[in-house]
Amino acid sequence: MVKTDKGWVLLVSDVGFGRKAWEDGVIPGFVANKEQANTSLQWVRNFAKREDCCAVLANHDPDIQPGVVG
């Protein structure tokens, strides 16, 4: 998590491959614990809805474009 003047930027690393993962509950193909993976996706989904969340960025999301956030 990165705190900016405009709010939080959440770096979700390998929680999911992109926005569809936390919006639709799609866990990665290989996980050590499916229940924990679902809990993580739910946490990200809830955090993304916060008013003070500027962006949620996943490492492998092909839709993320270079730019300045926050």
N, C-alpha and C. Protein backbone atom coordinates (compact mmCIF):
# COMPACT_ATOMS: atom_id res chain seq x y z
N MET A 1 0.84 -1.17 0.00
CA MET A 1 0.00 0.00 0.00
C MET A 1 0.89 1.23 0.00
N VAL A 2 0.48 2.20 -0.79
CA VAL A 2 1.20 3.46 -0.88
C VAL A 2 0.20 4.57 -0.57
N LYS A 3 0.54 5.42 0.37
CA LYS A 3 -0.32 6.55 0.72
C LYS A 3 0.12 7.77 -0.07
N THR A 4 -0.80 8.34 -0.82
CA THR A 4 -0.52 9.56 -1.59
C THR A 4 -1.37 10.69 -1.03
N ASP A 5 -1.16 11.87 -1.56
CA ASP A 5 -1.98 13.01 -1.14
C ASP A 5 -3.45 12.82 -1.51
N LYS A 6 -3.72 12.00 -2.53
CA LYS A 6 -5.09 11.78 -3.00
C LYS A 6 -5.72 10.52 -2.44
N GLY A 7 -4.94 9.68 -1.74
CA GLY A 7 -5.48 8.45 -1.18
C GLY A 7 -4.52 7.29 -1.33
N TRP A 8 -5.06 6.09 -1.15
CA TRP A 8 -4.25 4.88 -1.18
C TRP A 8 -4.14 4.28 -2.57
N VAL A 9 -2.95 3.77 -2.87
CA VAL A 9 -2.71 2.95 -4.06
C VAL A 9 -2.38 1.57 -3.52
N LEU A 10 -3.17 0.60 -3.90
CA LEU A 10 -3.00 -0.77 -3.41
C LEU A 10 -2.30 -1.60 -4.47
N LEU A 11 -1.12 -2.14 -4.12
CA LEU A 11 -0.36 -3.01 -5.01
C LEU A 11 -0.66 -4.44 -4.59
N VAL A 12 -1.42 -5.17 -5.41
CA VAL A 12 -1.91 -6.47 -4.98
C VAL A 12 -1.04 -7.64 -5.40
N SER A 13 0.05 -7.37 -6.07
CA SER A 13 1.02 -8.42 -6.41
C SER A 13 0.33 -9.61 -7.06
N ASP A 14 0.37 -10.77 -6.43
CA ASP A 14 -0.16 -11.99 -7.03
C ASP A 14 -1.50 -12.43 -6.44
N VAL A 15 -2.21 -11.52 -5.77
CA VAL A 15 -3.54 -11.87 -5.24
C VAL A 15 -4.46 -12.26 -6.39
N GLY A 16 -4.31 -11.56 -7.49
CA GLY A 16 -5.08 -11.85 -8.69
C GLY A 16 -4.35 -11.29 -9.89
N PHE A 17 -4.73 -11.74 -11.07
CA PHE A 17 -4.02 -11.32 -12.27
C PHE A 17 -4.52 -10.00 -12.84
N GLY A 18 -5.63 -9.51 -12.34
CA GLY A 18 -6.18 -8.25 -12.82
C GLY A 18 -7.49 -7.94 -12.13
N ARG A 19 -8.09 -6.84 -12.51
CA ARG A 19 -9.33 -6.36 -11.88
C ARG A 19 -10.43 -7.43 -11.86
N LYS A 20 -10.54 -8.21 -12.92
CA LYS A 20 -11.56 -9.26 -12.98
C LYS A 20 -11.42 -10.23 -11.81
N ALA A 21 -10.21 -10.46 -11.35
CA ALA A 21 -9.97 -11.41 -10.25
C ALA A 21 -10.73 -10.99 -9.00
N TRP A 22 -10.55 -9.76 -8.53
CA TRP A 22 -11.23 -9.36 -7.30
C TRP A 22 -12.67 -8.96 -7.53
N GLU A 23 -13.01 -8.50 -8.71
CA GLU A 23 -14.40 -8.15 -8.97
C GLU A 23 -15.28 -9.39 -9.11
N ASP A 24 -14.74 -10.46 -9.72
CA ASP A 24 -15.52 -11.67 -9.99
C ASP A 24 -15.12 -12.86 -9.13
N GLY A 25 -14.15 -12.66 -8.23
CA GLY A 25 -13.72 -13.74 -7.35
C GLY A 25 -12.97 -14.85 -8.06
N VAL A 26 -12.14 -14.50 -9.04
CA VAL A 26 -11.37 -15.49 -9.80
C VAL A 26 -9.98 -15.62 -9.18
N ILE A 27 -9.74 -16.75 -8.52
CA ILE A 27 -8.44 -16.95 -7.89
C ILE A 27 -7.43 -17.42 -8.94
N PRO A 28 -6.13 -17.18 -8.70
CA PRO A 28 -5.11 -17.67 -9.63
C PRO A 28 -5.19 -19.19 -9.79
N GLY A 29 -4.64 -19.70 -10.86
CA GLY A 29 -4.71 -21.12 -11.15
C GLY A 29 -4.06 -22.01 -10.10
N PHE A 30 -3.00 -21.55 -9.50
CA PHE A 30 -2.32 -22.33 -8.46
C PHE A 30 -2.25 -21.53 -7.18
N VAL A 31 -2.81 -22.07 -6.12
CA VAL A 31 -2.74 -21.42 -4.80
C VAL A 31 -2.45 -22.48 -3.75
N ALA A 32 -1.81 -22.08 -2.67
CA ALA A 32 -1.52 -23.02 -1.59
C ALA A 32 -2.77 -23.32 -0.77
N ASN A 33 -3.66 -22.31 -0.65
CA ASN A 33 -4.85 -22.47 0.17
C ASN A 33 -6.00 -21.70 -0.48
N LYS A 34 -6.95 -22.40 -1.03
CA LYS A 34 -8.06 -21.78 -1.77
C LYS A 34 -8.88 -20.84 -0.89
N GLU A 35 -9.13 -21.23 0.35
CA GLU A 35 -9.92 -20.40 1.26
C GLU A 35 -9.21 -19.08 1.54
N GLN A 36 -7.92 -19.14 1.79
CA GLN A 36 -7.15 -17.91 2.03
C GLN A 36 -7.08 -17.04 0.79
N ALA A 37 -6.97 -17.67 -0.39
CA ALA A 37 -6.96 -16.91 -1.64
C ALA A 37 -8.28 -16.16 -1.82
N ASN A 38 -9.40 -16.81 -1.54
CA ASN A 38 -10.71 -16.15 -1.63
C ASN A 38 -10.83 -15.03 -0.61
N THR A 39 -10.31 -15.23 0.59
CA THR A 39 -10.34 -14.19 1.62
C THR A 39 -9.54 -12.97 1.15
N SER A 40 -8.39 -13.21 0.54
CA SER A 40 -7.56 -12.11 0.04
C SER A 40 -8.28 -11.34 -1.07
N LEU A 41 -8.90 -12.06 -2.00
CA LEU A 41 -9.64 -11.39 -3.07
C LEU A 41 -10.79 -10.54 -2.51
N GLN A 42 -11.47 -11.06 -1.51
CA GLN A 42 -12.57 -10.31 -0.90
C GLN A 42 -12.04 -9.05 -0.22
N TRP A 43 -10.89 -9.16 0.45
CA TRP A 43 -10.30 -7.99 1.11
C TRP A 43 -9.97 -6.92 0.07
N VAL A 44 -9.36 -7.33 -1.04
CA VAL A 44 -9.01 -6.39 -2.11
C VAL A 44 -10.28 -5.77 -2.68
N ARG A 45 -11.30 -6.57 -2.95
CA ARG A 45 -12.57 -6.07 -3.49
C ARG A 45 -13.15 -5.01 -2.56
N ASN A 46 -13.15 -5.26 -1.26
CA ASN A 46 -13.68 -4.29 -0.30
C ASN A 46 -12.82 -3.03 -0.24
N PHE A 47 -11.51 -3.20 -0.26
CA PHE A 47 -10.62 -2.03 -0.19
C PHE A 47 -10.78 -1.17 -1.45
N ALA A 48 -10.92 -1.80 -2.60
CA ALA A 48 -11.06 -1.07 -3.86
C ALA A 48 -12.30 -0.17 -3.86
N LYS A 49 -13.30 -0.50 -3.08
CA LYS A 49 -14.53 0.29 -3.01
C LYS A 49 -14.41 1.49 -2.08
N ARG A 50 -13.33 1.55 -1.31
CA ARG A 50 -13.17 2.66 -0.37
C ARG A 50 -13.04 3.99 -1.10
N GLU A 51 -13.57 5.01 -0.51
CA GLU A 51 -13.52 6.34 -1.08
C GLU A 51 -12.09 6.86 -1.18
N ASP A 52 -11.23 6.41 -0.27
CA ASP A 52 -9.85 6.90 -0.25
C ASP A 52 -8.89 5.98 -1.00
N CYS A 53 -9.41 5.10 -1.85
CA CYS A 53 -8.58 4.22 -2.68
C CYS A 53 -8.49 4.82 -4.08
N CYS A 54 -7.30 5.24 -4.48
CA CYS A 54 -7.09 5.84 -5.81
C CYS A 54 -6.97 4.80 -6.90
N ALA A 55 -6.30 3.68 -6.56
CA ALA A 55 -6.04 2.67 -7.58
C ALA A 55 -5.70 1.34 -6.93
N VAL A 56 -6.02 0.26 -7.65
CA VAL A 56 -5.60 -1.09 -7.27
C VAL A 56 -4.85 -1.63 -8.47
N LEU A 57 -3.58 -2.01 -8.26
CA LEU A 57 -2.73 -2.45 -9.36
C LEU A 57 -2.23 -3.86 -9.11
N ALA A 58 -2.46 -4.74 -10.08
CA ALA A 58 -1.98 -6.12 -10.00
C ALA A 58 -0.75 -6.26 -10.91
N ASN A 59 0.22 -7.02 -10.46
CA ASN A 59 1.48 -7.18 -11.20
C ASN A 59 1.30 -7.68 -12.63
N HIS A 60 0.37 -8.59 -12.84
CA HIS A 60 0.24 -9.24 -14.14
C HIS A 60 -0.93 -8.74 -14.97
N ASP A 61 -1.50 -7.61 -14.60
CA ASP A 61 -2.67 -7.09 -15.30
C ASP A 61 -2.27 -6.45 -16.62
N PRO A 62 -2.66 -7.04 -17.75
CA PRO A 62 -2.27 -6.48 -19.04
C PRO A 62 -2.97 -5.15 -19.35
N ASP A 63 -4.01 -4.82 -18.59
CA ASP A 63 -4.73 -3.57 -18.83
C ASP A 63 -4.09 -2.35 -18.16
N ILE A 64 -3.12 -2.58 -17.29
CA ILE A 64 -2.46 -1.47 -16.60
C ILE A 64 -1.49 -0.80 -17.57
N GLN A 65 -1.63 0.50 -17.69
CA GLN A 65 -0.76 1.27 -18.56
C GLN A 65 0.21 2.11 -17.72
N PRO A 66 1.41 2.33 -18.21
CA PRO A 66 2.36 3.17 -17.46
C PRO A 66 1.75 4.55 -17.23
N GLY A 67 2.04 5.11 -16.06
CA GLY A 67 1.53 6.42 -15.76
C GLY A 67 1.79 6.79 -14.32
N VAL A 68 1.28 7.91 -13.92
CA VAL A 68 1.41 8.44 -12.56
C VAL A 68 0.08 8.25 -11.86
N VAL A 69 0.11 7.70 -10.66
CA VAL A 69 -1.10 7.46 -9.88
C VAL A 69 -1.01 8.26 -8.60
N GLY A 70 -2.11 8.87 -8.22
CA GLY A 70 -2.17 9.54 -6.93
C GLY A 70 -1.67 10.92 -6.98
